Amino acid sequence: VQLVESGGGLVQPGGSLRLSCAASGFTFNSVALRWYRQAPGKERQLVASISTTGYTTTYADSVKGRFTISRDNAKNTVYLQMNSLKPEDTAVYYCNTWFNKNMYWGQGTQVTVSS
């Protein structure tokens, strides 16, 4: 199982980024997927989740209305569209899933929101 995030970078406050997580090694459309983030000195936080079909999504209160999680089961990829970014969104963002009773993480992608 492999999860590979991309799309992070440096962006000004109010800007946008789209993160991608390409998955392999398992039946992608059989698992829910999540995005987490971890800021320096803080615990890892669940940001958003999406069901196997993509019809059900959940968000942390801090990102509701600004972030959108989506998935393309044909491309084995999950996305996180981040709009109206704030400095407090600065963190390493991780893709996550459970498969066969094991939890898997990507290597993370850095998002820095700063002027």
N, C-alpha and C. Protein backbone atom coordinates (compact mmCIF):
# COMPACT_ATOMS: atom_id res chain seq x y z
N VAL A 1 0.85 -1.18 0.00
CA VAL A 1 0.00 0.00 0.00
C VAL A 1 0.89 1.24 0.00
N GLN A 2 0.56 2.17 -0.88
CA GLN A 2 1.35 3.40 -0.95
C GLN A 2 0.43 4.58 -1.15
N LEU A 3 0.69 5.63 -0.38
CA LEU A 3 -0.03 6.89 -0.51
C LEU A 3 1.01 7.98 -0.74
N VAL A 4 0.86 8.74 -1.81
CA VAL A 4 1.85 9.76 -2.15
C VAL A 4 1.15 11.10 -2.33
N GLU A 5 1.44 12.03 -1.41
CA GLU A 5 0.83 13.35 -1.47
C GLU A 5 1.67 14.29 -2.34
N SER A 6 1.00 15.26 -2.90
CA SER A 6 1.67 16.32 -3.66
C SER A 6 0.79 17.56 -3.65
N GLY A 7 1.39 18.68 -4.08
CA GLY A 7 0.61 19.90 -4.24
C GLY A 7 0.82 20.94 -3.16
N GLY A 8 1.61 20.63 -2.15
CA GLY A 8 1.87 21.62 -1.12
C GLY A 8 2.78 22.72 -1.62
N GLY A 9 2.96 23.73 -0.78
CA GLY A 9 3.83 24.84 -1.15
C GLY A 9 3.60 26.05 -0.29
N LEU A 10 4.16 27.16 -0.73
CA LEU A 10 4.02 28.44 -0.02
C LEU A 10 2.94 29.27 -0.72
N VAL A 11 2.01 29.78 0.06
CA VAL A 11 0.91 30.57 -0.50
C VAL A 11 0.61 31.73 0.43
N GLN A 12 0.16 32.83 -0.12
CA GLN A 12 -0.19 33.99 0.69
C GLN A 12 -1.55 33.79 1.36
N PRO A 13 -1.79 34.44 2.47
CA PRO A 13 -3.12 34.37 3.10
C PRO A 13 -4.20 34.76 2.09
N GLY A 14 -5.29 33.99 2.11
CA GLY A 14 -6.38 34.21 1.16
C GLY A 14 -6.23 33.41 -0.12
N GLY A 15 -5.07 32.79 -0.30
CA GLY A 15 -4.83 32.03 -1.51
C GLY A 15 -5.40 30.62 -1.46
N SER A 16 -5.12 29.86 -2.52
CA SER A 16 -5.65 28.50 -2.66
C SER A 16 -4.55 27.52 -3.04
N LEU A 17 -4.76 26.29 -2.65
CA LEU A 17 -3.91 25.17 -3.06
C LEU A 17 -4.80 23.94 -3.22
N ARG A 18 -4.39 23.04 -4.10
CA ARG A 18 -5.06 21.75 -4.20
C ARG A 18 -4.05 20.65 -3.95
N LEU A 19 -4.29 19.88 -2.91
CA LEU A 19 -3.45 18.74 -2.60
C LEU A 19 -4.01 17.50 -3.29
N SER A 20 -3.10 16.61 -3.68
CA SER A 20 -3.48 15.33 -4.27
C SER A 20 -2.81 14.21 -3.49
N CYS A 21 -3.47 13.07 -3.46
CA CYS A 21 -2.90 11.87 -2.84
C CYS A 21 -3.17 10.70 -3.79
N ALA A 22 -2.10 10.21 -4.39
CA ALA A 22 -2.21 9.08 -5.31
C ALA A 22 -1.99 7.78 -4.54
N ALA A 23 -2.92 6.86 -4.71
CA ALA A 23 -2.89 5.61 -3.94
C ALA A 23 -2.62 4.41 -4.84
N SER A 24 -1.99 3.40 -4.26
CA SER A 24 -1.73 2.16 -4.99
C SER A 24 -1.58 1.02 -4.00
N GLY A 25 -1.77 -0.19 -4.50
CA GLY A 25 -1.55 -1.36 -3.66
C GLY A 25 -2.78 -1.89 -2.95
N PHE A 26 -3.92 -1.30 -3.22
CA PHE A 26 -5.15 -1.79 -2.61
C PHE A 26 -6.33 -1.36 -3.50
N THR A 27 -7.51 -1.90 -3.15
CA THR A 27 -8.71 -1.58 -3.92
C THR A 27 -9.22 -0.22 -3.48
N PHE A 28 -8.88 0.79 -4.25
CA PHE A 28 -9.09 2.18 -3.85
C PHE A 28 -10.55 2.47 -3.54
N ASN A 29 -11.47 1.97 -4.36
CA ASN A 29 -12.87 2.34 -4.17
C ASN A 29 -13.55 1.57 -3.04
N SER A 30 -12.80 0.79 -2.28
CA SER A 30 -13.36 0.04 -1.16
C SER A 30 -13.06 0.68 0.19
N VAL A 31 -12.34 1.80 0.22
CA VAL A 31 -11.94 2.40 1.48
C VAL A 31 -12.32 3.87 1.55
N ALA A 32 -12.62 4.29 2.78
CA ALA A 32 -12.75 5.72 3.04
C ALA A 32 -11.34 6.32 3.12
N LEU A 33 -11.26 7.62 2.91
CA LEU A 33 -9.96 8.30 2.92
C LEU A 33 -10.05 9.56 3.76
N ARG A 34 -8.93 9.95 4.30
CA ARG A 34 -8.88 11.12 5.17
C ARG A 34 -7.66 11.97 4.88
N TRP A 35 -7.79 13.25 5.17
CA TRP A 35 -6.67 14.17 5.22
C TRP A 35 -6.49 14.61 6.67
N TYR A 36 -5.26 14.53 7.14
CA TYR A 36 -4.87 15.03 8.45
C TYR A 36 -3.83 16.14 8.23
N ARG A 37 -3.59 16.90 9.28
CA ARG A 37 -2.50 17.86 9.26
C ARG A 37 -1.85 17.94 10.63
N GLN A 38 -0.59 18.32 10.61
CA GLN A 38 0.15 18.47 11.86
C GLN A 38 1.03 19.71 11.77
N ALA A 39 0.74 20.65 12.66
CA ALA A 39 1.54 21.86 12.76
C ALA A 39 2.67 21.64 13.77
N PRO A 40 3.74 22.41 13.68
CA PRO A 40 4.86 22.24 14.62
C PRO A 40 4.40 22.35 16.07
N GLY A 41 4.77 21.37 16.88
CA GLY A 41 4.43 21.40 18.29
C GLY A 41 3.01 21.05 18.62
N LYS A 42 2.24 20.62 17.62
CA LYS A 42 0.83 20.29 17.85
C LYS A 42 0.55 18.84 17.46
N GLU A 43 -0.56 18.32 17.95
CA GLU A 43 -0.96 16.97 17.60
C GLU A 43 -1.52 16.93 16.19
N ARG A 44 -1.43 15.74 15.60
CA ARG A 44 -2.02 15.56 14.27
C ARG A 44 -3.53 15.68 14.37
N GLN A 45 -4.11 16.41 13.43
CA GLN A 45 -5.54 16.75 13.46
C GLN A 45 -6.23 16.23 12.22
N LEU A 46 -7.42 15.62 12.38
CA LEU A 46 -8.23 15.21 11.25
C LEU A 46 -8.83 16.45 10.59
N VAL A 47 -8.61 16.60 9.31
CA VAL A 47 -9.10 17.76 8.57
C VAL A 47 -10.38 17.44 7.82
N ALA A 48 -10.39 16.32 7.11
CA ALA A 48 -11.55 15.97 6.29
C ALA A 48 -11.52 14.48 6.00
N SER A 49 -12.72 13.94 5.74
CA SER A 49 -12.83 12.53 5.36
C SER A 49 -13.85 12.39 4.25
N ILE A 50 -13.74 11.29 3.51
CA ILE A 50 -14.66 11.05 2.40
C ILE A 50 -14.95 9.56 2.33
N SER A 51 -16.21 9.23 2.06
CA SER A 51 -16.64 7.83 1.98
C SER A 51 -16.17 7.18 0.69
N THR A 52 -16.42 5.88 0.57
CA THR A 52 -15.95 5.13 -0.59
C THR A 52 -16.51 5.68 -1.90
N THR A 53 -17.78 6.12 -1.86
CA THR A 53 -18.41 6.63 -3.09
C THR A 53 -18.18 8.12 -3.29
N GLY A 54 -17.75 8.78 -2.22
CA GLY A 54 -17.58 10.23 -2.29
C GLY A 54 -18.82 11.01 -1.91
N TYR A 55 -19.92 10.32 -1.63
CA TYR A 55 -21.17 11.02 -1.34
C TYR A 55 -21.20 11.61 0.06
N THR A 56 -20.41 11.04 0.98
CA THR A 56 -20.40 11.53 2.35
C THR A 56 -19.03 12.11 2.69
N THR A 57 -19.06 13.35 3.15
CA THR A 57 -17.81 14.01 3.54
C THR A 57 -18.00 14.64 4.92
N THR A 58 -16.91 14.77 5.64
CA THR A 58 -16.92 15.45 6.94
C THR A 58 -15.71 16.37 7.00
N TYR A 59 -15.84 17.42 7.81
CA TYR A 59 -14.77 18.42 7.92
C TYR A 59 -14.60 18.86 9.37
N ALA A 60 -13.37 19.21 9.70
CA ALA A 60 -13.12 19.87 10.96
C ALA A 60 -13.78 21.24 10.93
N ASP A 61 -14.26 21.70 12.08
CA ASP A 61 -14.93 23.00 12.13
C ASP A 61 -14.03 24.12 11.60
N SER A 62 -12.74 23.99 11.83
CA SER A 62 -11.82 25.06 11.46
C SER A 62 -11.66 25.22 9.94
N VAL A 63 -12.09 24.23 9.16
CA VAL A 63 -11.92 24.32 7.71
C VAL A 63 -13.24 24.30 6.94
N LYS A 64 -14.35 24.12 7.65
CA LYS A 64 -15.65 24.06 6.97
C LYS A 64 -15.90 25.32 6.17
N GLY A 65 -16.37 25.12 4.94
CA GLY A 65 -16.67 26.25 4.06
C GLY A 65 -15.46 26.74 3.29
N ARG A 66 -14.27 26.26 3.63
CA ARG A 66 -13.05 26.68 2.93
C ARG A 66 -12.37 25.53 2.20
N PHE A 67 -12.44 24.34 2.77
CA PHE A 67 -11.78 23.16 2.19
C PHE A 67 -12.84 22.22 1.61
N THR A 68 -12.45 21.52 0.55
CA THR A 68 -13.33 20.52 -0.06
C THR A 68 -12.52 19.26 -0.36
N ILE A 69 -12.98 18.14 0.17
CA ILE A 69 -12.35 16.86 -0.13
C ILE A 69 -13.13 16.18 -1.25
N SER A 70 -12.42 15.53 -2.16
CA SER A 70 -13.07 14.82 -3.25
C SER A 70 -12.18 13.64 -3.64
N ARG A 71 -12.74 12.75 -4.45
CA ARG A 71 -11.97 11.60 -4.89
C ARG A 71 -12.34 11.24 -6.32
N ASP A 72 -11.38 10.66 -7.01
CA ASP A 72 -11.58 10.15 -8.35
C ASP A 72 -11.20 8.68 -8.32
N ASN A 73 -12.20 7.81 -8.23
CA ASN A 73 -11.90 6.39 -8.10
C ASN A 73 -11.29 5.80 -9.36
N ALA A 74 -11.48 6.44 -10.49
CA ALA A 74 -10.87 5.97 -11.73
C ALA A 74 -9.36 6.26 -11.75
N LYS A 75 -8.96 7.30 -11.02
CA LYS A 75 -7.55 7.69 -10.98
C LYS A 75 -6.87 7.30 -9.67
N ASN A 76 -7.61 6.64 -8.77
CA ASN A 76 -7.05 6.24 -7.47
C ASN A 76 -6.43 7.43 -6.74
N THR A 77 -7.15 8.53 -6.75
CA THR A 77 -6.61 9.77 -6.19
C THR A 77 -7.67 10.46 -5.34
N VAL A 78 -7.23 11.01 -4.22
CA VAL A 78 -8.08 11.85 -3.37
C VAL A 78 -7.47 13.24 -3.35
N TYR A 79 -8.34 14.23 -3.30
CA TYR A 79 -7.92 15.63 -3.37
C TYR A 79 -8.38 16.41 -2.14
N LEU A 80 -7.68 17.49 -1.88
CA LEU A 80 -8.12 18.45 -0.88
C LEU A 80 -7.95 19.84 -1.48
N GLN A 81 -9.06 20.45 -1.86
CA GLN A 81 -9.06 21.82 -2.36
C GLN A 81 -9.14 22.76 -1.17
N MET A 82 -8.15 23.63 -1.05
CA MET A 82 -8.07 24.53 0.09
C MET A 82 -8.15 25.97 -0.40
N ASN A 83 -9.19 26.67 -0.01
CA ASN A 83 -9.40 28.07 -0.39
C ASN A 83 -9.35 28.96 0.84
N SER A 84 -9.21 30.24 0.61
CA SER A 84 -9.19 31.23 1.70
C SER A 84 -8.23 30.80 2.80
N LEU A 85 -7.04 30.43 2.40
CA LEU A 85 -6.07 29.90 3.37
C LEU A 85 -5.64 30.96 4.37
N LYS A 86 -5.41 30.48 5.60
CA LYS A 86 -5.00 31.33 6.71
C LYS A 86 -3.64 30.87 7.23
N PRO A 87 -2.92 31.74 7.89
CA PRO A 87 -1.62 31.32 8.47
C PRO A 87 -1.75 30.10 9.39
N GLU A 88 -2.88 29.99 10.07
CA GLU A 88 -3.06 28.84 10.98
C GLU A 88 -3.30 27.53 10.24
N ASP A 89 -3.43 27.58 8.93
CA ASP A 89 -3.52 26.35 8.13
C ASP A 89 -2.13 25.77 7.83
N THR A 90 -1.09 26.49 8.19
CA THR A 90 0.27 26.01 7.97
C THR A 90 0.51 24.71 8.72
N ALA A 91 0.93 23.69 8.00
CA ALA A 91 1.12 22.35 8.59
C ALA A 91 1.64 21.41 7.51
N VAL A 92 2.03 20.23 7.95
CA VAL A 92 2.26 19.13 7.02
C VAL A 92 0.94 18.38 6.89
N TYR A 93 0.52 18.16 5.67
CA TYR A 93 -0.76 17.50 5.40
C TYR A 93 -0.50 16.06 4.96
N TYR A 94 -1.26 15.15 5.57
CA TYR A 94 -1.09 13.72 5.33
C TYR A 94 -2.38 13.09 4.82
N CYS A 95 -2.22 12.17 3.91
CA CYS A 95 -3.30 11.32 3.44
C CYS A 95 -3.31 10.06 4.29
N ASN A 96 -4.50 9.52 4.55
CA ASN A 96 -4.63 8.38 5.47
C ASN A 96 -5.76 7.46 5.05
N THR A 97 -5.57 6.16 5.28
CA THR A 97 -6.65 5.23 5.09
C THR A 97 -6.43 3.98 5.94
N TRP A 98 -7.49 3.21 6.10
CA TRP A 98 -7.45 1.88 6.70
C TRP A 98 -7.69 0.86 5.60
N PHE A 99 -6.91 -0.23 5.65
CA PHE A 99 -7.13 -1.30 4.69
C PHE A 99 -6.68 -2.60 5.33
N ASN A 100 -7.54 -3.61 5.29
CA ASN A 100 -7.22 -4.90 5.92
C ASN A 100 -6.74 -4.74 7.36
N LYS A 101 -7.44 -3.91 8.11
CA LYS A 101 -7.19 -3.69 9.54
C LYS A 101 -5.87 -2.98 9.84
N ASN A 102 -5.25 -2.43 8.84
CA ASN A 102 -4.02 -1.66 9.04
C ASN A 102 -4.23 -0.21 8.61
N MET A 103 -3.57 0.70 9.33
CA MET A 103 -3.65 2.11 8.98
C MET A 103 -2.41 2.48 8.15
N TYR A 104 -2.65 3.28 7.12
CA TYR A 104 -1.57 3.70 6.23
C TYR A 104 -1.52 5.22 6.13
N TRP A 105 -0.30 5.74 6.04
CA TRP A 105 -0.08 7.18 5.92
C TRP A 105 0.82 7.46 4.72
N GLY A 106 0.62 8.62 4.12
CA GLY A 106 1.57 9.10 3.14
C GLY A 106 2.73 9.77 3.85
N GLN A 107 3.67 10.30 3.06
CA GLN A 107 4.86 10.93 3.63
C GLN A 107 4.60 12.38 4.03
N GLY A 108 3.49 12.93 3.57
CA GLY A 108 3.13 14.29 3.92
C GLY A 108 3.60 15.31 2.90
N THR A 109 2.89 16.43 2.84
CA THR A 109 3.27 17.55 1.99
C THR A 109 3.12 18.84 2.80
N GLN A 110 4.12 19.70 2.72
CA GLN A 110 4.15 20.91 3.54
C GLN A 110 3.30 22.00 2.90
N VAL A 111 2.44 22.59 3.70
CA VAL A 111 1.68 23.77 3.29
C VAL A 111 2.05 24.91 4.22
N THR A 112 2.53 26.00 3.64
CA THR A 112 2.90 27.18 4.40
C THR A 112 2.12 28.38 3.90
N VAL A 113 1.38 29.00 4.81
CA VAL A 113 0.58 30.18 4.46
C VAL A 113 1.21 31.39 5.14
N SER A 114 1.80 32.24 4.33
CA SER A 114 2.53 33.38 4.89
C SER A 114 2.66 34.47 3.84
N SER A 115 2.67 35.70 4.31
CA SER A 115 2.89 36.83 3.41
C SER A 115 4.37 37.20 3.37
